Amino acid sequence: MPYIAINATNNYDGFNKTRYATQEEADARAREILSQFPSAQVFTAQVLKEYSASVSITAKDPAEPMQEPEVDEPAG
């Protein structure tokens, strides 16, 4: 199973998606991140499953708004 090293301090770090064959490789990457950014919060994790989904988008003409009946107000 692949492993990853996640830099939780920088969600935009492209290396967060890199898969490593062994836990030792992921651990080495985590330590490398910490040597560059000592205040970073880094995790190593084993990838158990990968999920994906798709979304379909449709467009149509909107429904006509409902007309509320006019109410006669009593003269005051």
N, C-alpha and C. Protein backbone atom coordinates (compact mmCIF):
# COMPACT_ATOMS: atom_id res chain seq x y z
N MET A 1 0.84 -1.18 0.00
CA MET A 1 0.00 0.00 0.00
C MET A 1 0.89 1.24 0.00
N PRO A 2 0.49 2.27 -0.73
CA PRO A 2 1.30 3.48 -0.77
C PRO A 2 1.14 4.32 0.50
N TYR A 3 2.12 5.18 0.70
CA TYR A 3 2.13 6.10 1.84
C TYR A 3 2.26 7.51 1.30
N ILE A 4 1.82 8.48 2.10
CA ILE A 4 1.98 9.88 1.74
C ILE A 4 2.50 10.67 2.93
N ALA A 5 3.14 11.79 2.65
CA ALA A 5 3.54 12.74 3.67
C ALA A 5 2.73 14.01 3.40
N ILE A 6 1.98 14.46 4.39
CA ILE A 6 1.07 15.58 4.21
C ILE A 6 1.57 16.77 5.01
N ASN A 7 1.80 17.88 4.31
CA ASN A 7 2.15 19.13 4.97
C ASN A 7 0.85 19.85 5.28
N ALA A 8 0.32 19.65 6.47
CA ALA A 8 -0.98 20.20 6.84
C ALA A 8 -0.93 21.72 6.97
N THR A 9 0.25 22.29 7.12
CA THR A 9 0.39 23.73 7.24
C THR A 9 0.21 24.41 5.89
N ASN A 10 0.47 23.67 4.80
CA ASN A 10 0.36 24.23 3.45
C ASN A 10 -0.45 23.26 2.59
N ASN A 11 -1.76 23.47 2.53
CA ASN A 11 -2.62 22.58 1.76
C ASN A 11 -2.36 22.65 0.26
N TYR A 12 -1.67 23.70 -0.19
CA TYR A 12 -1.39 23.86 -1.61
C TYR A 12 -0.06 23.23 -2.02
N ASP A 13 0.60 22.57 -1.10
CA ASP A 13 1.87 21.90 -1.39
C ASP A 13 1.59 20.74 -2.34
N GLY A 14 2.11 20.81 -3.55
CA GLY A 14 1.89 19.77 -4.55
C GLY A 14 2.41 18.41 -4.13
N PHE A 15 3.40 18.39 -3.24
CA PHE A 15 3.95 17.11 -2.79
C PHE A 15 3.00 16.36 -1.86
N ASN A 16 1.93 17.00 -1.40
CA ASN A 16 0.94 16.32 -0.56
C ASN A 16 0.28 15.16 -1.31
N LYS A 17 0.35 15.17 -2.64
CA LYS A 17 -0.27 14.12 -3.45
C LYS A 17 0.72 13.04 -3.88
N THR A 18 1.98 13.19 -3.53
CA THR A 18 2.99 12.23 -3.95
C THR A 18 2.86 10.94 -3.16
N ARG A 19 2.83 9.81 -3.86
CA ARG A 19 2.73 8.49 -3.22
C ARG A 19 4.12 7.91 -3.07
N TYR A 20 4.40 7.31 -1.93
CA TYR A 20 5.68 6.66 -1.67
C TYR A 20 5.43 5.17 -1.47
N ALA A 21 6.35 4.36 -1.93
CA ALA A 21 6.18 2.91 -1.86
C ALA A 21 6.30 2.38 -0.44
N THR A 22 7.09 3.05 0.40
CA THR A 22 7.31 2.56 1.77
C THR A 22 7.06 3.67 2.78
N GLN A 23 6.82 3.24 3.99
CA GLN A 23 6.63 4.19 5.09
C GLN A 23 7.92 4.97 5.33
N GLU A 24 9.06 4.33 5.13
CA GLU A 24 10.35 4.99 5.35
C GLU A 24 10.54 6.16 4.38
N GLU A 25 10.11 5.99 3.13
CA GLU A 25 10.22 7.08 2.15
C GLU A 25 9.33 8.26 2.54
N ALA A 26 8.11 7.96 2.98
CA ALA A 26 7.20 9.02 3.42
C ALA A 26 7.76 9.72 4.66
N ASP A 27 8.34 8.95 5.57
CA ASP A 27 8.94 9.51 6.76
C ASP A 27 10.11 10.44 6.40
N ALA A 28 10.92 10.02 5.44
CA ALA A 28 12.04 10.86 5.00
C ALA A 28 11.53 12.17 4.41
N ARG A 29 10.45 12.11 3.63
CA ARG A 29 9.87 13.34 3.07
C ARG A 29 9.34 14.24 4.17
N ALA A 30 8.68 13.66 5.17
CA ALA A 30 8.16 14.45 6.29
C ALA A 30 9.30 15.17 7.01
N ARG A 31 10.39 14.48 7.23
CA ARG A 31 11.55 15.09 7.90
C ARG A 31 12.18 16.18 7.02
N GLU A 32 12.16 15.97 5.72
CA GLU A 32 12.68 16.99 4.80
C GLU A 32 11.85 18.27 4.88
N ILE A 33 10.52 18.11 4.93
CA ILE A 33 9.62 19.26 5.06
C ILE A 33 9.94 20.01 6.35
N LEU A 34 10.10 19.27 7.44
CA LEU A 34 10.37 19.91 8.73
C LEU A 34 11.74 20.58 8.77
N SER A 35 12.70 20.05 8.03
CA SER A 35 14.01 20.71 8.00
C SER A 35 13.93 22.04 7.26
N GLN A 36 13.03 22.13 6.27
CA GLN A 36 12.84 23.38 5.53
C GLN A 36 11.91 24.35 6.26
N PHE A 37 10.90 23.79 6.90
CA PHE A 37 9.87 24.60 7.58
C PHE A 37 9.64 24.04 8.98
N PRO A 38 10.47 24.41 9.95
CA PRO A 38 10.40 23.82 11.29
C PRO A 38 9.06 23.98 12.01
N SER A 39 8.29 25.00 11.63
CA SER A 39 7.01 25.19 12.32
C SER A 39 5.85 24.47 11.62
N ALA A 40 6.14 23.73 10.55
CA ALA A 40 5.09 23.02 9.82
C ALA A 40 4.53 21.86 10.64
N GLN A 41 3.30 21.53 10.37
CA GLN A 41 2.68 20.34 10.97
C GLN A 41 2.58 19.31 9.85
N VAL A 42 3.27 18.19 10.02
CA VAL A 42 3.38 17.19 8.96
C VAL A 42 2.89 15.85 9.47
N PHE A 43 2.18 15.13 8.60
CA PHE A 43 1.69 13.80 8.91
C PHE A 43 2.19 12.82 7.87
N THR A 44 2.37 11.58 8.25
CA THR A 44 2.53 10.50 7.28
C THR A 44 1.30 9.61 7.43
N ALA A 45 0.86 9.08 6.32
CA ALA A 45 -0.35 8.26 6.35
C ALA A 45 -0.25 7.14 5.31
N GLN A 46 -0.90 6.06 5.62
CA GLN A 46 -1.00 4.96 4.66
C GLN A 46 -2.29 5.13 3.89
N VAL A 47 -2.21 5.07 2.58
CA VAL A 47 -3.39 5.23 1.73
C VAL A 47 -4.08 3.87 1.65
N LEU A 48 -5.26 3.79 2.23
CA LEU A 48 -6.01 2.54 2.23
C LEU A 48 -6.93 2.41 1.03
N LYS A 49 -7.57 3.52 0.66
CA LYS A 49 -8.48 3.53 -0.48
C LYS A 49 -8.44 4.90 -1.12
N GLU A 50 -8.73 4.92 -2.41
CA GLU A 50 -8.88 6.18 -3.12
C GLU A 50 -10.32 6.24 -3.63
N TYR A 51 -10.94 7.38 -3.47
CA TYR A 51 -12.32 7.56 -3.88
C TYR A 51 -12.38 8.64 -4.95
N SER A 52 -13.38 8.54 -5.80
CA SER A 52 -13.63 9.60 -6.77
C SER A 52 -15.14 9.65 -7.00
N ALA A 53 -15.58 10.77 -7.51
CA ALA A 53 -16.99 10.96 -7.81
C ALA A 53 -17.08 11.86 -9.02
N SER A 54 -18.25 11.88 -9.62
CA SER A 54 -18.46 12.79 -10.73
C SER A 54 -19.77 13.52 -10.50
N VAL A 55 -19.86 14.68 -11.09
CA VAL A 55 -21.04 15.51 -10.96
C VAL A 55 -21.51 15.85 -12.36
N SER A 56 -22.80 15.76 -12.58
CA SER A 56 -23.31 16.21 -13.87
C SER A 56 -24.13 17.48 -13.63
N ILE A 57 -23.97 18.42 -14.54
CA ILE A 57 -24.64 19.71 -14.40
C ILE A 57 -25.61 19.85 -15.56
N THR A 58 -26.85 20.23 -15.26
CA THR A 58 -27.86 20.46 -16.30
C THR A 58 -28.40 21.88 -16.16
N ALA A 59 -28.90 22.41 -17.23
CA ALA A 59 -29.50 23.75 -17.22
C ALA A 59 -30.86 23.67 -17.90
N LYS A 60 -31.80 24.43 -17.39
CA LYS A 60 -33.12 24.50 -18.01
C LYS A 60 -33.70 25.88 -17.74
N ASP A 61 -34.75 26.22 -18.47
CA ASP A 61 -35.41 27.50 -18.27
C ASP A 61 -36.08 27.51 -16.90
N PRO A 62 -36.06 28.64 -16.24
CA PRO A 62 -36.67 28.68 -14.90
C PRO A 62 -38.20 28.62 -14.98
N ALA A 63 -38.80 28.16 -13.90
CA ALA A 63 -40.25 28.14 -13.81
C ALA A 63 -40.76 29.57 -13.66
N GLU A 64 -41.94 29.81 -14.17
CA GLU A 64 -42.53 31.14 -14.05
C GLU A 64 -42.91 31.38 -12.59
N PRO A 65 -42.69 32.60 -12.09
CA PRO A 65 -43.07 32.88 -10.70
C PRO A 65 -44.59 32.86 -10.54
N MET A 66 -45.03 32.46 -9.37
CA MET A 66 -46.47 32.44 -9.08
C MET A 66 -46.94 33.86 -8.81
N GLN A 67 -48.12 34.20 -9.33
CA GLN A 67 -48.71 35.51 -9.08
C GLN A 67 -49.55 35.44 -7.83
N GLU A 68 -49.29 36.32 -6.89
CA GLU A 68 -50.11 36.35 -5.69
C GLU A 68 -51.36 37.17 -5.99
N PRO A 69 -52.51 36.70 -5.53
CA PRO A 69 -53.74 37.46 -5.78
C PRO A 69 -53.69 38.79 -5.02
N GLU A 70 -54.23 39.83 -5.66
CA GLU A 70 -54.26 41.14 -4.99
C GLU A 70 -55.37 41.14 -3.96
N VAL A 71 -55.07 41.70 -2.82
CA VAL A 71 -56.04 41.76 -1.73
C VAL A 71 -56.50 43.21 -1.59
N ASP A 72 -57.83 43.40 -1.62
CA ASP A 72 -58.38 44.75 -1.43
C ASP A 72 -58.29 45.10 0.05
N GLU A 73 -57.69 46.24 0.32
CA GLU A 73 -57.58 46.68 1.72
C GLU A 73 -58.78 47.55 2.03
N PRO A 74 -59.35 47.37 3.21
CA PRO A 74 -60.51 48.20 3.59
C PRO A 74 -60.10 49.66 3.71
N ALA A 75 -61.02 50.53 3.30
CA ALA A 75 -60.76 51.97 3.40
C ALA A 75 -60.81 52.38 4.86
N GLY A 76 -59.90 53.20 5.24
CA GLY A 76 -59.83 53.51 6.65
C GLY A 76 -60.01 54.85 6.99
